[in-house]
Protein backbone atom coordinates (compact mmCIF):
# COMPACT_ATOMS: atom_id res chain seq x y z
CA MET A 1 0.07 -1.36 -11.76
CA ASN A 2 0.91 -0.03 -8.31
CA GLY A 3 4.25 -0.94 -6.75
CA THR A 4 2.99 -0.93 -3.17
CA PRO A 5 4.00 -4.25 -1.51
CA ARG A 6 0.48 -5.30 -0.53
CA ALA A 7 1.47 -8.88 0.32
CA LEU A 8 4.22 -7.68 2.67
CA ASN A 9 1.86 -5.15 4.23
CA ARG A 10 -0.72 -7.85 4.91
CA VAL A 11 1.91 -10.13 6.46
CA LEU A 12 3.16 -7.33 8.71
CA LEU A 13 -0.38 -6.41 9.73
CA PHE A 14 -1.10 -10.05 10.54
CA ILE A 15 2.05 -10.36 12.66
CA ILE A 16 1.38 -7.09 14.50
CA GLY A 17 -2.27 -8.02 15.04
CA ALA A 18 -1.35 -11.48 16.34
CA LYS A 19 1.15 -9.97 18.78
CA LEU A 20 -1.34 -7.39 20.03
CA LEU A 21 -3.96 -10.11 20.45
CA ALA A 22 -1.49 -12.27 22.40
CA VAL A 23 -0.54 -9.36 24.67
CA GLY A 24 -4.20 -8.54 25.26
CA LEU A 25 -5.02 -12.14 26.15
CA LEU A 26 -2.01 -12.30 28.49
CA LEU A 27 -3.05 -9.11 30.27
CA LEU A 28 -6.60 -10.44 30.62
CA LEU A 29 -5.35 -13.73 32.08
CA LEU A 30 -2.97 -11.94 34.45
CA ALA A 31 -5.84 -9.85 35.76
CA THR A 32 -8.37 -12.69 36.13
CA VAL A 33 -6.45 -15.94 36.74
CA PRO A 34 -4.26 -16.04 39.89
CA ALA A 35 -2.30 -19.08 38.67
CA VAL A 36 -1.23 -17.24 35.53
CA ALA A 37 -0.16 -14.23 37.59
CA THR A 38 1.94 -16.46 39.84
CA TRP A 39 3.59 -18.11 36.83
CA TRP A 40 4.28 -14.74 35.24
CA HIS A 41 6.01 -13.36 38.35
CA GLY A 42 8.26 -16.40 38.59
CA TRP A 43 9.06 -16.48 34.87
CA SER A 44 9.72 -12.74 34.53
CA ALA A 45 11.97 -12.77 37.60
CA SER A 46 14.08 -15.61 36.17
CA VAL A 47 14.33 -13.88 32.77
CA TRP A 48 15.39 -10.59 34.39
CA ALA A 49 18.00 -12.37 36.49
CA GLY A 50 19.37 -14.12 33.40
CA ALA A 51 19.57 -10.81 31.51
CA GLU A 52 21.44 -9.13 34.37
CA ASP A 53 23.86 -12.05 34.53
CA ALA A 54 24.46 -11.84 30.76
CA PHE A 55 25.24 -8.11 30.98
CA ARG A 56 27.61 -8.69 33.90
CA GLN A 57 29.56 -11.31 31.96
CA THR A 58 29.93 -9.23 28.78
CA HIS A 59 31.79 -6.16 30.02
CA LEU A 60 33.96 -4.27 27.58
CA PRO A 61 37.70 -4.47 28.40
CA GLY A 62 38.47 -1.85 31.04
CA ARG A 63 34.90 -0.60 31.24
CA GLU A 64 31.76 -1.42 33.18
CA GLU A 65 29.43 -1.25 30.16
CA SER A 66 28.43 -4.41 28.31
CA TRP A 67 29.01 -4.86 24.61
CA LEU A 68 25.44 -6.17 24.41
CA TRP A 69 24.31 -2.53 24.40
CA ILE A 70 26.27 -2.04 21.17
CA VAL A 71 24.56 -5.07 19.64
CA ALA A 72 21.17 -3.74 20.75
CA GLY A 73 21.97 -0.35 19.20
CA LEU A 74 22.98 -1.94 15.90
CA ILE A 75 19.77 -3.98 15.86
CA LEU A 76 17.72 -0.81 16.45
CA VAL A 77 19.54 0.97 13.61
CA ALA A 78 18.84 -1.98 11.30
CA ILE A 79 15.16 -1.89 12.28
CA ILE A 80 15.00 1.87 11.58
CA ILE A 81 16.61 1.41 8.15
CA ALA A 82 14.18 -1.41 7.34
CA MET A 83 11.22 0.77 8.39
CA ILE A 84 12.45 3.64 6.20
CA ALA A 85 12.85 1.26 3.25
CA TRP A 86 9.37 -0.13 3.88
CA LEU A 87 7.80 3.34 4.06
CA SER A 88 9.52 4.37 0.83
CA GLN A 89 7.73 1.51 -0.97
CA GLN A 90 4.26 2.69 0.03
CA GLY A 91 2.42 4.19 -2.91
CA LYS A 92 5.32 3.49 -5.23
CA GLY A 93 4.28 3.61 -8.85
CA ARG A 94 2.22 6.77 -8.68
CA ALA A 95 2.89 9.28 -11.45
CA ASN A 96 2.10 12.98 -11.68
CA LEU A 97 2.82 13.43 -15.38
CA LEU A 98 0.75 11.80 -18.12
CA VAL A 99 2.14 13.45 -21.27
CA ALA A 100 5.49 15.13 -21.92
CA SER A 101 6.41 15.88 -25.52
CA ASP A 102 8.18 18.52 -27.58
CA ASP A 103 6.07 21.22 -29.16
CA ASP A 104 6.25 21.28 -32.99
CA SER A 105 5.47 25.00 -33.15
CA ASP A 106 8.00 27.74 -33.86
CA VAL A 107 8.28 28.51 -30.15
CA ASP A 108 10.73 26.31 -28.27
CA GLY A 109 9.18 24.44 -25.39
CA GLU A 110 7.61 21.25 -24.13
CA VAL A 111 3.98 20.28 -23.65
CA ARG A 112 3.19 18.61 -20.33
CA ILE A 113 -0.17 17.29 -19.16
CA GLY A 114 -0.52 16.21 -15.56
CA GLY A 115 -2.19 12.98 -14.59
CA GLY A 116 -4.70 14.93 -12.53
CA VAL A 117 -6.26 16.26 -15.74
CA ALA A 118 -7.14 12.79 -17.00
CA GLU A 119 -8.19 11.65 -13.54
CA GLN A 120 -10.62 14.55 -13.06
CA VAL A 121 -12.10 14.24 -16.55
CA LEU A 122 -12.70 10.50 -16.28
CA ARG A 123 -14.01 10.73 -12.72
CA ALA A 124 -16.47 13.42 -13.76
CA ALA A 125 -17.70 11.28 -16.68
CA LEU A 126 -17.99 8.13 -14.58
CA SER A 127 -19.73 9.88 -11.69
CA GLU A 128 -22.69 10.64 -13.97
CA ARG A 129 -23.34 6.96 -14.65
CA THR A 130 -26.16 5.43 -12.65
CA ASP A 131 -24.96 1.88 -13.36
CA LEU A 132 -21.86 2.36 -11.19
CA ALA A 133 -21.75 2.11 -7.41
CA GLY A 134 -18.28 3.65 -7.31
CA ALA A 135 -15.35 4.66 -9.50
CA SER A 136 -11.77 5.87 -9.04
CA VAL A 137 -9.00 6.84 -11.45
CA ALA A 138 -5.24 6.92 -10.75
CA THR A 139 -2.18 7.71 -12.83
CA LEU A 140 0.56 5.11 -12.34
CA GLU A 141 3.99 4.49 -13.82
CA VAL A 142 4.72 1.09 -15.35
CA LYS A 143 8.19 0.35 -16.75
CA GLY A 144 8.95 4.05 -16.92
CA LYS A 145 5.77 4.95 -18.83
CA PRO A 146 2.62 6.56 -17.39
CA GLY A 147 -0.73 4.79 -17.56
CA LEU A 148 -4.19 4.98 -16.06
CA ARG A 149 -5.93 2.58 -13.71
CA ILE A 150 -9.70 2.90 -13.74
CA ARG A 151 -11.34 1.04 -10.87
CA ILE A 152 -15.11 0.72 -11.17
CA GLN A 153 -17.77 -1.07 -9.17
CA PRO A 154 -20.80 -1.91 -11.31
CA ARG A 155 -24.23 -2.30 -9.80
CA GLN A 156 -25.98 -5.66 -9.82
CA GLY A 157 -27.27 -6.66 -13.22
CA VAL A 158 -24.83 -4.54 -15.26
CA ALA A 159 -23.10 -6.43 -18.08
CA PRO A 160 -19.33 -6.18 -17.50
CA HIS A 161 -18.36 -6.43 -21.18
CA ILE A 162 -20.71 -3.61 -22.17
CA LEU A 163 -19.48 -1.45 -19.31
CA ALA A 164 -15.84 -2.11 -20.21
CA ALA A 165 -16.50 -1.17 -23.83
CA GLU A 166 -18.17 2.10 -22.83
CA VAL A 167 -15.34 2.99 -20.47
CA SER A 168 -12.87 2.24 -23.26
CA GLN A 169 -14.74 4.71 -25.45
CA LEU A 170 -14.27 7.38 -22.79
CA VAL A 171 -10.54 6.65 -22.72
CA GLU A 172 -10.35 6.80 -26.52
CA ALA A 173 -12.01 10.22 -26.43
CA LEU A 174 -9.45 11.31 -23.86
CA ASP A 175 -6.64 10.06 -26.13
CA LEU A 176 -7.95 12.29 -28.93
CA VAL A 177 -7.93 15.30 -26.62
CA ILE A 178 -4.42 14.84 -25.25
CA GLY A 179 -3.01 13.55 -28.54
CA GLN A 180 -1.48 10.39 -27.15
CA LYS A 181 -2.60 6.79 -26.68
CA THR A 182 -2.43 5.97 -23.00
CA PRO A 183 -2.17 2.43 -21.52
CA VAL A 184 -5.22 1.75 -19.37
CA LEU A 185 -6.23 -0.94 -16.92
CA VAL A 186 -10.00 -1.16 -16.42
CA HIS A 187 -10.51 -2.99 -13.15
CA MET A 188 -14.02 -4.06 -12.18
CA VAL A 189 -14.42 -4.96 -8.53
CA SER A 190 -17.16 -6.69 -6.62
CA GLY A 191 -19.19 -5.23 -3.82
CA ALA A 192 -22.22 -5.89 -1.69
CA ARG A 193 -24.46 -4.73 -4.53
CA SER A 194 -22.68 -6.59 -7.32
CA ARG A 195 -22.85 -10.14 -5.93
CA PHE A 196 -19.03 -10.56 -5.86
CA THR A 197 -18.65 -10.47 -9.66
CA LYS A 198 -15.29 -9.34 -10.98
CA ALA A 199 -13.72 -8.69 -14.36
CA GLU A 200 -10.62 -6.97 -15.64
CA ARG A 201 -9.77 -5.55 -19.02
CA VAL A 202 -6.45 -4.13 -20.16
CA ARG A 203 -6.21 -1.92 -23.24
């Protein structure tokens, strides 16, 4: 239900981690293996000389500056735009409003119920259960409509279908209070105490 690009985040974390690991290994080898240090000095000197030669051969007409600096600047701008677009996707799908409807009374107005109300009520009810090792509630927006995601971690030996039914009853009671049927995803996750069991139920 959340629009955060988890797959992309994991790929980026893997790439960044691999690069950091490679740099760390290179620094370790440079500090401990003389042959690697000798190779690095020769290779880096040749690369630097090639870069200087490339900048010398790409002068702008009538100027001493190279047009490669313009290319580098454009690449940096593209990277910044991509980073801004990536950051804007983090946490996408969160919603602050659960109910928004016109009031049928004689007074003009609109009734609004924030998602935090449902989240606090359900969290308080779930925190009292001894058969749960953890629970979290979030209000998310799916196809323009708000819904709830209830993430629970049952303890070992707890029947998932019974737990899902009891959580559904809590949600039904909440629907009666707010006067609206809310889409809910009940997500059961595994943990060290639940022997990696997992079940999901959508209502």
